[in-house]
Each structure stands twice: as structure tokens, then as C-alpha cells.
Amino acid sequence: DSFNVRGGVVLVPVGFLNEFHEPPLFWSVERPEFHSKIIPSTWVAAGLGFFGTPMEGMNYRLYLTNSLESISDGTDTGSGNGSGGFSGAFTAQTGIRGGRHQINGTAADDLAVSGRVEYSRFFPGLNVGASFYTGETTQGFISEGGRTTVLEADMKYREGWFDMNASIANIIIEDGVALNNFCSDSAHTCSAEIADNIFGFNAQAGVHLFQLMGKNTSHDLVAFFLYEKIRPQDSMPHGTAPTHSSNFDLYTVGMSYMPIESVAIKADYQQFILKNNTTENKINIGLAYMY
């Protein structure tokens, strides 16, 4: 139980949602922005590593995989020639998300190490986790490595009808000036607004209404509130100005009805507060299922 080997296509073990990302497993209609613009779920890689349960209540994963792609000159076609892979790069709006690919489009000049540990015996109903990821990302386009390091922590807690979770992550991108200088060439297809630090956190609370009302049913109805602070351009390299609309706060309130665990009917209202103090509002309705 304590030591196993896994290889091939793996889900990068960063955050509590990426490895288990099916839509009935989160209450909002859309995946939380933290798990899209900070942790780029769904995030897969090719490689191998170890996992196991060394003691009751503790799980771990440790992988060596291909790394992200922070910059691109637009010539990579996925054929495996030259630098290989499809064109991809970090951006001002979505952080490192554009640097991940499906495996058939992945460049692997650079490798990365990632890992996660979880523990559920500190307190009844409480699960805590921590993750990391680090690797160079320029894939041979420039001499600088563009090492990108993700540090993440999260918790989930449930007591009767009350349910909550929270996550926080910080991403450090080295050689930001060199990355943006490369991308400022009009012949290259990447963004010249890459940050040198990305930051985000969210906190969510939900009430299982049928359980609160004492109903004897296997159905579940959750009313929830989610707050997120998303900063894909938390700080910028010298000489690069941030894009004001990249950083925002988000408030989401909604409900999710699950007649069975693998099906959810969901609706929510969202208010985005952008860095320049403008707001955007959305109403989302969705039907989600796992199969």
C-alpha cells in the first residue's frame, strides 16, 4: 500500500480538483476560476512516478513528467520535428494554462517534478493537502530556462450539513524579462505580458439543505457561496506593464441538486470585479454527469 509505480499519461497532482475534475464534484456550473486560471485543470502530462498510502489517513504522489511551455515561436506543429509539440505559451489572462498540452502535442526538452500529500487525521471531517510543481519551461527556444514553480495548499471540511473548502497557490516564473523580450518579436506567437508571479485563492461554503431539514433521502441539494481572488499578473518583470483586466475578484452564489452522486443540475450567479473597478455579471445554468 505504501509504495506503487505509475507511468504513462498522468494527471498532475496539484490541487484537490485536477485529479478528480468531473463536473458533479464541484457545485458551481463552471469549474472555479482558481482551478482554471491558477491551477490549469484539466492538466495532464507524460511521465512516471510513485504513489501510496504510507499510514492511515495519508496519501502521496511524486511524478517526473514533461514540463510546461512558456514561450513559442509558432513553428512547432506537433510533428515532433525541431522543438516538437504544438504552439503554446503563458498568457496575461490565463497564466500558465496555455503552456500545457495533450500528450500528442507536448514538447519535452524540459522536464518537471510534481508532488502532492494529503492527510485526514488532524480533526474529524477535515482533510488538508499540499502540492508542488517545478520545471524549466522554455523548451530550448532561448538559453534561459524560465523555471516555473507552483506551491499550493488546500483544505476540505464537512460536519453534518455544513461543508466548506479553500485553496491557495503562488506561482513563481523565473527569467520573465527574457521571456517577454523573446515574445515581443512580432514573428513569435507568444504573449509579451508574462508575469513573474501569479497568485490566487478561493474559499467556498455550502449547506446541504435536505440534511439541514432532516429529510430522509439520498438526494442532495446544496446552496453555496464562493469567493475567489485571481491574479494571473500578480507582479510583472521590470519593464512590463500589467493588463488591468487580468486580475479580478469573483463572487459566486448558487445551488446544485444531485438526484444521484453522478448527476448534478446546477445554477449560479457570478459577479466579476476587475482590477480597474469595472464589474461583469453572469448567470449560469448547467446539467452535469459522470459516466
C-alpha atoms as a PDB file:
ATOM      1  CA  ASP A   1       0.000   0.000   0.000  1.00  0.00           C
ATOM      2  CA  SER A   2       2.808   2.444   0.797  1.00  0.00           C
ATOM      3  CA  PHE A   3       4.748   2.294  -2.495  1.00  0.00           C
ATOM      4  CA  ASN A   4       3.430   1.891  -6.046  1.00  0.00           C
ATOM      5  CA  VAL A   5       4.648   2.881  -9.508  1.00  0.00           C
ATOM      6  CA  ARG A   6       2.531   4.618 -12.159  1.00  0.00           C
ATOM      7  CA  GLY A   7       3.569   5.612 -15.696  1.00  0.00           C
ATOM      8  CA  GLY A   8       2.130   6.960 -18.932  1.00  0.00           C
ATOM      9  CA  VAL A   9      -0.413   9.772 -19.120  1.00  0.00           C
ATOM     10  CA  VAL A  10      -0.854  11.151 -15.601  1.00  0.00           C
ATOM     11  CA  LEU A  11      -2.929  13.936 -14.088  1.00  0.00           C
ATOM     12  CA  VAL A  12      -0.542  16.430 -12.478  1.00  0.00           C
ATOM     13  CA  PRO A  13      -1.188  16.163  -8.705  1.00  0.00           C
ATOM     14  CA  VAL A  14      -1.582  19.876  -7.945  1.00  0.00           C
ATOM     15  CA  GLY A  15      -4.701  20.948  -6.031  1.00  0.00           C
ATOM     16  CA  PHE A  16      -7.573  18.747  -4.898  1.00  0.00           C
ATOM     17  CA  LEU A  17      -9.637  19.100  -8.096  1.00  0.00           C
ATOM     18  CA  ASN A  18      -7.292  18.398 -11.015  1.00  0.00           C
ATOM     19  CA  GLU A  19      -7.104  14.639 -10.448  1.00  0.00           C
ATOM     20  CA  PHE A  20     -10.873  14.435  -9.799  1.00  0.00           C
ATOM     21  CA  HIS A  21     -12.286  17.129 -12.051  1.00  0.00           C
ATOM     22  CA  GLU A  22     -15.656  15.776 -13.237  1.00  0.00           C
ATOM     23  CA  PRO A  23     -18.409  18.429 -13.044  1.00  0.00           C
ATOM     24  CA  PRO A  24     -20.664  16.794 -10.410  1.00  0.00           C
ATOM     25  CA  LEU A  25     -17.707  17.038  -8.000  1.00  0.00           C
ATOM     26  CA  PHE A  26     -17.887  20.851  -7.791  1.00  0.00           C
ATOM     27  CA  TRP A  27     -21.019  22.864  -7.046  1.00  0.00           C
ATOM     28  CA  SER A  28     -20.663  25.780  -9.471  1.00  0.00           C
ATOM     29  CA  VAL A  29     -21.767  25.415 -13.091  1.00  0.00           C
ATOM     30  CA  GLU A  30     -18.329  26.304 -14.419  1.00  0.00           C
ATOM     31  CA  ARG A  31     -15.161  24.994 -12.823  1.00  0.00           C
ATOM     32  CA  PRO A  32     -13.960  27.520 -10.200  1.00  0.00           C
ATOM     33  CA  GLU A  33     -11.620  30.099 -11.737  1.00  0.00           C
ATOM     34  CA  PHE A  34      -8.878  29.115  -9.277  1.00  0.00           C
ATOM     35  CA  HIS A  35      -8.871  25.655 -10.854  1.00  0.00           C
ATOM     36  CA  SER A  36      -8.697  27.117 -14.360  1.00  0.00           C
ATOM     37  CA  LYS A  37      -6.583  30.289 -14.370  1.00  0.00           C
ATOM     38  CA  ILE A  38      -4.296  29.479 -11.417  1.00  0.00           C
ATOM     39  CA  ILE A  39      -4.200  25.652 -11.449  1.00  0.00           C
ATOM     40  CA  PRO A  40      -4.805  24.844 -15.143  1.00  0.00           C
ATOM     41  CA  SER A  41      -7.226  21.939 -14.793  1.00  0.00           C
ATOM     42  CA  THR A  42      -7.518  19.619 -16.616  1.00  0.00           C
ATOM     43  CA  TRP A  43      -3.706  19.328 -16.512  1.00  0.00           C
ATOM     44  CA  VAL A  44      -2.138  16.146 -17.888  1.00  0.00           C
ATOM     45  CA  ALA A  45       1.476  15.195 -18.563  1.00  0.00           C
ATOM     46  CA  ALA A  46       3.505  12.203 -19.708  1.00  0.00           C
ATOM     47  CA  GLY A  47       5.884  10.530 -17.305  1.00  0.00           C
ATOM     48  CA  LEU A  48       6.155   8.223 -14.344  1.00  0.00           C
ATOM     49  CA  GLY A  49       6.286   8.313 -10.584  1.00  0.00           C
ATOM     50  CA  PHE A  50       5.299   6.891  -7.235  1.00  0.00           C
ATOM     51  CA  PHE A  51       2.165   6.951  -5.103  1.00  0.00           C
ATOM     52  CA  GLY A  52       0.902   5.281  -1.982  1.00  0.00           C
ATOM     53  CA  THR A  53      -0.609   5.336   1.480  1.00  0.00           C
ATOM     54  CA  PRO A  54       2.282   5.069   3.971  1.00  0.00           C
ATOM     55  CA  MET A  55      -0.004   5.411   7.001  1.00  0.00           C
ATOM     56  CA  GLU A  56      -3.705   5.603   7.738  1.00  0.00           C
ATOM     57  CA  GLY A  57      -5.126   8.902   6.541  1.00  0.00           C
ATOM     58  CA  MET A  58      -2.092   9.910   4.456  1.00  0.00           C
ATOM     59  CA  ASN A  59      -1.687   9.701   0.662  1.00  0.00           C
ATOM     60  CA  TYR A  60       1.121  10.926  -1.587  1.00  0.00           C
ATOM     61  CA  ARG A  61       2.092  11.203  -5.277  1.00  0.00           C
ATOM     62  CA  LEU A  62       5.513  12.128  -6.747  1.00  0.00           C
ATOM     63  CA  TYR A  63       5.982  12.331 -10.555  1.00  0.00           C
ATOM     64  CA  LEU A  64       8.625  13.167 -13.171  1.00  0.00           C
ATOM     65  CA  THR A  65       6.955  14.421 -16.387  1.00  0.00           C
ATOM     66  CA  ASN A  66       7.343  16.716 -19.371  1.00  0.00           C
ATOM     67  CA  SER A  67       7.228  20.386 -18.399  1.00  0.00           C
ATOM     68  CA  LEU A  68       5.057  23.319 -19.449  1.00  0.00           C
ATOM     69  CA  GLU A  69       5.829  25.521 -22.475  1.00  0.00           C
ATOM     70  CA  SER A  70       6.135  29.206 -21.535  1.00  0.00           C
ATOM     71  CA  ILE A  71       7.102  30.602 -24.970  1.00  0.00           C
ATOM     72  CA  SER A  72       6.798  29.609 -28.631  1.00  0.00           C
ATOM     73  CA  ASP A  73       7.945  30.946 -31.978  1.00  0.00           C
ATOM     74  CA  GLY A  74       4.908  29.489 -33.772  1.00  0.00           C
ATOM     75  CA  THR A  75       6.825  26.935 -35.826  1.00  0.00           C
ATOM     76  CA  ASP A  76       6.061  23.924 -33.638  1.00  0.00           C
ATOM     77  CA  THR A  77       3.473  21.799 -35.441  1.00  0.00           C
ATOM     78  CA  GLY A  78       3.118  18.694 -33.314  1.00  0.00           C
ATOM     79  CA  SER A  79       5.042  16.551 -35.788  1.00  0.00           C
ATOM     80  CA  GLY A  80       7.974  16.069 -33.425  1.00  0.00           C
ATOM     81  CA  ASN A  81      10.371  17.977 -35.690  1.00  0.00           C
ATOM     82  CA  GLY A  82      12.501  20.779 -34.282  1.00  0.00           C
ATOM     83  CA  SER A  83      11.255  21.701 -30.824  1.00  0.00           C
ATOM     84  CA  GLY A  84       8.235  19.425 -31.246  1.00  0.00           C
ATOM     85  CA  GLY A  85       4.816  19.931 -29.773  1.00  0.00           C
ATOM     86  CA  PHE A  86       2.059  22.364 -30.609  1.00  0.00           C
ATOM     87  CA  SER A  87       2.447  26.117 -30.149  1.00  0.00           C
ATOM     88  CA  GLY A  88       1.638  27.092 -26.599  1.00  0.00           C
ATOM     89  CA  ALA A  89       2.676  29.761 -24.134  1.00  0.00           C
ATOM     90  CA  PHE A  90       1.854  31.517 -20.881  1.00  0.00           C
ATOM     91  CA  THR A  91      -0.519  34.480 -21.237  1.00  0.00           C
ATOM     92  CA  ALA A  92      -1.620  37.542 -19.280  1.00  0.00           C
ATOM     93  CA  GLN A  93      -5.232  36.360 -18.949  1.00  0.00           C
ATOM     94  CA  THR A  94      -4.812  32.663 -18.121  1.00  0.00           C
ATOM     95  CA  GLY A  95      -1.365  32.430 -16.578  1.00  0.00           C
ATOM     96  CA  ILE A  96       0.348  29.077 -17.169  1.00  0.00           C
ATOM     97  CA  ARG A  97      -2.744  27.409 -18.657  1.00  0.00           C
ATOM     98  CA  GLY A  98      -1.675  27.910 -22.289  1.00  0.00           C
ATOM     99  CA  GLY A  99       1.578  26.115 -21.586  1.00  0.00           C
ATOM    100  CA  ARG A 100       0.031  22.672 -21.089  1.00  0.00           C
ATOM    101  CA  HIS A 101      -0.992  20.331 -23.924  1.00  0.00           C
ATOM    102  CA  GLN A 102      -2.459  16.960 -24.580  1.00  0.00           C
ATOM    103  CA  ILE A 103       0.336  14.406 -24.825  1.00  0.00           C
ATOM    104  CA  ASN A 104       0.459  14.159 -28.632  1.00  0.00           C
ATOM    105  CA  GLY A 105       1.232  17.897 -28.759  1.00  0.00           C
ATOM    106  CA  THR A 106       3.762  18.073 -25.951  1.00  0.00           C
ATOM    107  CA  ALA A 107       7.339  19.315 -26.148  1.00  0.00           C
ATOM    108  CA  ALA A 108       9.695  17.566 -23.737  1.00  0.00           C
ATOM    109  CA  ASP A 109      13.059  19.335 -23.952  1.00  0.00           C
ATOM    110  CA  ASP A 110      12.352  20.341 -20.341  1.00  0.00           C
ATOM    111  CA  LEU A 111      11.173  18.062 -17.527  1.00  0.00           C
ATOM    112  CA  ALA A 112       9.300  18.819 -14.314  1.00  0.00           C
ATOM    113  CA  VAL A 113       8.813  17.284 -10.879  1.00  0.00           C
ATOM    114  CA  SER A 114       5.440  17.459  -9.143  1.00  0.00           C
ATOM    115  CA  GLY A 115       4.019  16.024  -5.964  1.00  0.00           C
ATOM    116  CA  ARG A 116       1.164  16.066  -3.507  1.00  0.00           C
ATOM    117  CA  VAL A 117       0.494  14.869   0.026  1.00  0.00           C
ATOM    118  CA  GLU A 118      -2.884  14.688   1.826  1.00  0.00           C
ATOM    119  CA  TYR A 119      -3.740  13.992   5.444  1.00  0.00           C
ATOM    120  CA  SER A 120      -7.137  13.445   7.055  1.00  0.00           C
ATOM    121  CA  ARG A 121      -6.405  12.657  10.712  1.00  0.00           C
ATOM    122  CA  PHE A 122      -5.834  16.096  12.233  1.00  0.00           C
ATOM    123  CA  PHE A 123      -9.522  16.591  13.088  1.00  0.00           C
ATOM    124  CA  PRO A 124     -12.760  14.694  12.281  1.00  0.00           C
ATOM    125  CA  GLY A 125     -14.138  15.800   8.905  1.00  0.00           C
ATOM    126  CA  LEU A 126     -11.008  17.785   7.973  1.00  0.00           C
ATOM    127  CA  ASN A 127      -8.777  16.941   5.002  1.00  0.00           C
ATOM    128  CA  VAL A 128      -5.666  19.019   4.261  1.00  0.00           C
ATOM    129  CA  GLY A 129      -3.366  18.851   1.257  1.00  0.00           C
ATOM    130  CA  ALA A 130      -0.262  20.463  -0.198  1.00  0.00           C
ATOM    131  CA  SER A 131       1.168  20.298  -3.731  1.00  0.00           C
ATOM    132  CA  PHE A 132       4.180  21.496  -5.680  1.00  0.00           C
ATOM    133  CA  TYR A 133       5.390  21.624  -9.275  1.00  0.00           C
ATOM    134  CA  THR A 134       8.735  22.845 -10.647  1.00  0.00           C
ATOM    135  CA  GLY A 135      10.449  22.717 -14.019  1.00  0.00           C
ATOM    136  CA  GLU A 136      12.104  24.805 -16.714  1.00  0.00           C
ATOM    137  CA  THR A 137       9.703  25.812 -19.479  1.00  0.00           C
ATOM    138  CA  THR A 138      11.455  27.433 -22.466  1.00  0.00           C
ATOM    139  CA  GLN A 139      11.868  24.082 -24.287  1.00  0.00           C
ATOM    140  CA  GLY A 140      15.145  25.136 -25.923  1.00  0.00           C
ATOM    141  CA  PHE A 141      13.866  28.298 -27.624  1.00  0.00           C
ATOM    142  CA  ILE A 142      16.200  30.503 -25.552  1.00  0.00           C
ATOM    143  CA  SER A 143      19.175  29.834 -23.282  1.00  0.00           C
ATOM    144  CA  GLU A 144      17.302  30.940 -20.133  1.00  0.00           C
ATOM    145  CA  GLY A 145      15.233  28.213 -18.509  1.00  0.00           C
ATOM    146  CA  GLY A 146      12.108  30.078 -17.382  1.00  0.00           C
ATOM    147  CA  ARG A 147      11.766  27.797 -14.360  1.00  0.00           C
ATOM    148  CA  THR A 148       8.185  27.787 -13.116  1.00  0.00           C
ATOM    149  CA  THR A 149       7.408  26.719  -9.552  1.00  0.00           C
ATOM    150  CA  VAL A 150       3.890  26.187  -8.197  1.00  0.00           C
ATOM    151  CA  LEU A 151       3.269  25.958  -4.440  1.00  0.00           C
ATOM    152  CA  GLU A 152      -0.288  25.100  -3.365  1.00  0.00           C
ATOM    153  CA  ALA A 153      -2.214  24.251  -0.184  1.00  0.00           C
ATOM    154  CA  ASP A 154      -5.860  23.352   0.357  1.00  0.00           C
ATOM    155  CA  MET A 155      -8.386  22.076   2.870  1.00  0.00           C
ATOM    156  CA  LYS A 156     -11.841  20.485   2.888  1.00  0.00           C
ATOM    157  CA  TYR A 157     -14.114  20.201   5.922  1.00  0.00           C
ATOM    158  CA  ARG A 158     -17.540  18.625   6.421  1.00  0.00           C
ATOM    159  CA  GLU A 159     -19.605  18.416   9.572  1.00  0.00           C
ATOM    160  CA  GLY A 160     -23.179  17.248   9.080  1.00  0.00           C
ATOM    161  CA  TRP A 161     -25.000  19.681   6.802  1.00  0.00           C
ATOM    162  CA  PHE A 162     -22.092  22.190   6.709  1.00  0.00           C
ATOM    163  CA  ASP A 163     -19.441  21.793   4.004  1.00  0.00           C
ATOM    164  CA  MET A 164     -16.513  24.015   3.002  1.00  0.00           C
ATOM    165  CA  ASN A 165     -13.226  24.067   1.114  1.00  0.00           C
ATOM    166  CA  ALA A 166     -10.431  26.536   0.404  1.00  0.00           C
ATOM    167  CA  SER A 167      -7.287  26.656  -1.752  1.00  0.00           C
ATOM    168  CA  ILE A 168      -4.316  28.981  -2.145  1.00  0.00           C
ATOM    169  CA  ALA A 169      -1.437  28.941  -4.647  1.00  0.00           C
ATOM    170  CA  ASN A 170       1.573  31.015  -5.626  1.00  0.00           C
ATOM    171  CA  ILE A 171       3.461  30.587  -8.914  1.00  0.00           C
ATOM    172  CA  ILE A 172       6.977  31.950  -9.486  1.00  0.00           C
ATOM    173  CA  ILE A 173       8.200  32.319 -13.094  1.00  0.00           C
ATOM    174  CA  GLU A 174      11.913  32.989 -13.485  1.00  0.00           C
ATOM    175  CA  ASP A 175      13.597  34.888 -16.365  1.00  0.00           C
ATOM    176  CA  GLY A 176      10.481  36.960 -17.040  1.00  0.00           C
ATOM    177  CA  VAL A 177      12.383  39.729 -18.829  1.00  0.00           C
ATOM    178  CA  ALA A 178      13.953  37.216 -21.241  1.00  0.00           C
ATOM    179  CA  LEU A 179      10.605  35.513 -21.873  1.00  0.00           C
ATOM    180  CA  ASN A 180       8.868  38.794 -22.697  1.00  0.00           C
ATOM    181  CA  ASN A 181      11.770  40.013 -24.841  1.00  0.00           C
ATOM    182  CA  PHE A 182      11.512  36.832 -26.913  1.00  0.00           C
ATOM    183  CA  CYS A 183       7.732  37.188 -27.245  1.00  0.00           C
ATOM    184  CA  SER A 184       7.940  40.897 -28.172  1.00  0.00           C
ATOM    185  CA  ASP A 185       9.336  39.857 -31.573  1.00  0.00           C
ATOM    186  CA  SER A 186       6.333  40.118 -33.914  1.00  0.00           C
ATOM    187  CA  ALA A 187       7.430  36.936 -35.671  1.00  0.00           C
ATOM    188  CA  HIS A 188       6.790  34.926 -32.495  1.00  0.00           C
ATOM    189  CA  THR A 189       3.321  33.861 -31.419  1.00  0.00           C
ATOM    190  CA  CYS A 190       3.590  34.140 -27.630  1.00  0.00           C
ATOM    191  CA  SER A 191       2.462  36.893 -25.257  1.00  0.00           C
ATOM    192  CA  ALA A 192       4.919  39.604 -24.152  1.00  0.00           C
ATOM    193  CA  GLU A 193       2.903  40.128 -20.929  1.00  0.00           C
ATOM    194  CA  ILE A 194       4.062  37.087 -18.946  1.00  0.00           C
ATOM    195  CA  ALA A 195       4.097  37.708 -15.194  1.00  0.00           C
ATOM    196  CA  ASP A 196       6.925  36.760 -12.884  1.00  0.00           C
ATOM    197  CA  ASN A 197       4.452  35.935 -10.091  1.00  0.00           C
ATOM    198  CA  ILE A 198       0.915  34.538 -10.205  1.00  0.00           C
ATOM    199  CA  PHE A 199      -1.278  34.280  -7.123  1.00  0.00           C
ATOM    200  CA  GLY A 200      -4.766  33.135  -6.265  1.00  0.00           C
ATOM    201  CA  PHE A 201      -7.002  31.747  -3.569  1.00  0.00           C
ATOM    202  CA  ASN A 202     -10.621  30.816  -3.053  1.00  0.00           C
ATOM    203  CA  ALA A 203     -12.927  29.876  -0.195  1.00  0.00           C
ATOM    204  CA  GLN A 204     -16.305  28.160  -0.513  1.00  0.00           C
ATOM    205  CA  ALA A 205     -19.048  27.268   1.960  1.00  0.00           C
ATOM    206  CA  GLY A 206     -22.107  25.149   1.295  1.00  0.00           C
ATOM    207  CA  VAL A 207     -25.209  23.954   3.125  1.00  0.00           C
ATOM    208  CA  HIS A 208     -26.714  20.522   2.383  1.00  0.00           C
ATOM    209  CA  LEU A 209     -30.317  21.654   2.655  1.00  0.00           C
ATOM    210  CA  PHE A 210     -32.090  18.268   2.782  1.00  0.00           C
ATOM    211  CA  GLN A 211     -29.807  17.187   5.629  1.00  0.00           C
ATOM    212  CA  LEU A 212     -30.340  20.507   7.424  1.00  0.00           C
ATOM    213  CA  MET A 213     -34.126  19.980   7.190  1.00  0.00           C
ATOM    214  CA  GLY A 214     -33.840  16.400   8.459  1.00  0.00           C
ATOM    215  CA  LYS A 215     -35.106  14.814   5.243  1.00  0.00           C
ATOM    216  CA  ASN A 216     -34.531  11.056   4.922  1.00  0.00           C
ATOM    217  CA  THR A 217     -33.345  10.993   1.311  1.00  0.00           C
ATOM    218  CA  SER A 218     -30.290  10.083  -0.744  1.00  0.00           C
ATOM    219  CA  HIS A 219     -30.850  13.198  -2.897  1.00  0.00           C
ATOM    220  CA  ASP A 220     -28.633  16.206  -2.193  1.00  0.00           C
ATOM    221  CA  LEU A 221     -29.371  19.922  -2.589  1.00  0.00           C
ATOM    222  CA  VAL A 222     -26.509  22.319  -1.839  1.00  0.00           C
ATOM    223  CA  ALA A 223     -26.729  26.101  -1.562  1.00  0.00           C
ATOM    224  CA  PHE A 224     -23.251  27.615  -1.730  1.00  0.00           C
ATOM    225  CA  PHE A 225     -21.200  30.793  -1.771  1.00  0.00           C
ATOM    226  CA  LEU A 226     -17.739  31.004  -3.383  1.00  0.00           C
ATOM    227  CA  TYR A 227     -15.213  33.843  -3.219  1.00  0.00           C
ATOM    228  CA  GLU A 228     -12.109  33.876  -5.433  1.00  0.00           C
ATOM    229  CA  LYS A 229      -9.144  36.232  -5.837  1.00  0.00           C
ATOM    230  CA  ILE A 230      -7.446  35.564  -9.177  1.00  0.00           C
ATOM    231  CA  ARG A 231      -4.187  37.337 -10.094  1.00  0.00           C
ATOM    232  CA  PRO A 232      -2.530  35.942 -13.258  1.00  0.00           C
ATOM    233  CA  GLN A 233      -0.402  39.114 -13.234  1.00  0.00           C
ATOM    234  CA  ASP A 234       0.285  39.430  -9.508  1.00  0.00           C
ATOM    235  CA  SER A 235       3.648  41.046 -10.278  1.00  0.00           C
ATOM    236  CA  MET A 236       5.385  41.812 -13.562  1.00  0.00           C
ATOM    237  CA  PRO A 237       9.018  41.705 -14.707  1.00  0.00           C
ATOM    238  CA  HIS A 238      10.865  45.010 -14.965  1.00  0.00           C
ATOM    239  CA  GLY A 239       9.688  46.992 -17.989  1.00  0.00           C
ATOM    240  CA  THR A 240       6.388  45.113 -18.464  1.00  0.00           C
ATOM    241  CA  ALA A 241       3.072  46.716 -17.526  1.00  0.00           C
ATOM    242  CA  PRO A 242       0.136  44.569 -16.320  1.00  0.00           C
ATOM    243  CA  THR A 243      -3.107  44.197 -18.245  1.00  0.00           C
ATOM    244  CA  HIS A 244      -5.766  45.646 -15.951  1.00  0.00           C
ATOM    245  CA  SER A 245      -8.462  43.099 -16.789  1.00  0.00           C
ATOM    246  CA  SER A 246      -6.256  40.098 -15.972  1.00  0.00           C
ATOM    247  CA  ASN A 247      -6.619  40.345 -12.187  1.00  0.00           C
ATOM    248  CA  PHE A 248     -10.074  40.122 -10.649  1.00  0.00           C
ATOM    249  CA  ASP A 249     -12.180  39.128  -7.651  1.00  0.00           C
ATOM    250  CA  LEU A 250     -15.179  36.857  -8.180  1.00  0.00           C
ATOM    251  CA  TYR A 251     -18.293  36.220  -6.085  1.00  0.00           C
ATOM    252  CA  THR A 252     -20.471  33.210  -6.956  1.00  0.00           C
ATOM    253  CA  VAL A 253     -23.717  32.176  -5.281  1.00  0.00           C
ATOM    254  CA  GLY A 254     -25.813  29.245  -6.436  1.00  0.00           C
ATOM    255  CA  MET A 255     -27.380  25.843  -5.912  1.00  0.00           C
ATOM    256  CA  SER A 256     -26.621  22.309  -7.060  1.00  0.00           C
ATOM    257  CA  TYR A 257     -29.181  19.480  -6.980  1.00  0.00           C
ATOM    258  CA  MET A 258     -27.850  15.900  -7.166  1.00  0.00           C
ATOM    259  CA  PRO A 259     -30.542  13.220  -7.530  1.00  0.00           C
ATOM    260  CA  ILE A 260     -27.674  10.702  -7.568  1.00  0.00           C
ATOM    261  CA  GLU A 261     -23.969  11.275  -6.944  1.00  0.00           C
ATOM    262  CA  SER A 262     -23.019  11.195 -10.635  1.00  0.00           C
ATOM    263  CA  VAL A 263     -25.634  13.734 -11.838  1.00  0.00           C
ATOM    264  CA  ALA A 264     -25.997  17.427 -10.936  1.00  0.00           C
ATOM    265  CA  ILE A 265     -28.419  20.159 -12.044  1.00  0.00           C
ATOM    266  CA  LYS A 266     -26.831  23.495 -11.224  1.00  0.00           C
ATOM    267  CA  ALA A 267     -27.449  27.240 -11.410  1.00  0.00           C
ATOM    268  CA  ASP A 268     -25.455  30.193 -10.134  1.00  0.00           C
ATOM    269  CA  TYR A 269     -24.953  33.955 -10.330  1.00  0.00           C
ATOM    270  CA  GLN A 270     -21.464  35.457 -10.649  1.00  0.00           C
ATOM    271  CA  GLN A 271     -20.094  38.965 -10.221  1.00  0.00           C
ATOM    272  CA  PHE A 272     -16.587  39.679 -11.506  1.00  0.00           C
ATOM    273  CA  ILE A 273     -14.854  42.756 -10.064  1.00  0.00           C
ATOM    274  CA  LEU A 274     -11.956  43.671 -12.337  1.00  0.00           C
ATOM    275  CA  LYS A 275      -8.805  45.453 -11.228  1.00  0.00           C
ATOM    276  CA  ASN A 276      -9.959  48.690 -12.922  1.00  0.00           C
ATOM    277  CA  ASN A 277     -13.124  48.578 -10.708  1.00  0.00           C
ATOM    278  CA  THR A 278     -15.498  47.628 -13.512  1.00  0.00           C
ATOM    279  CA  THR A 279     -17.865  44.696 -12.976  1.00  0.00           C
ATOM    280  CA  GLU A 280     -19.228  41.890 -15.110  1.00  0.00           C
ATOM    281  CA  ASN A 281     -22.193  39.668 -14.193  1.00  0.00           C
ATOM    282  CA  LYS A 282     -23.143  36.185 -15.371  1.00  0.00           C
ATOM    283  CA  ILE A 283     -25.989  33.740 -14.835  1.00  0.00           C
ATOM    284  CA  ASN A 284     -25.079  30.104 -15.489  1.00  0.00           C
ATOM    285  CA  ILE A 285     -27.294  27.015 -15.734  1.00  0.00           C
ATOM    286  CA  GLY A 286     -25.920  23.529 -16.308  1.00  0.00           C
ATOM    287  CA  LEU A 287     -26.586  19.804 -16.356  1.00  0.00           C
ATOM    288  CA  ALA A 288     -23.559  17.720 -15.371  1.00  0.00           C
ATOM    289  CA  TYR A 289     -22.973  13.978 -15.265  1.00  0.00           C
ATOM    290  CA  MET A 290     -20.192  11.408 -14.970  1.00  0.00           C
ATOM    291  CA  TYR A 291     -20.141   8.184 -16.969  1.00  0.00           C
END
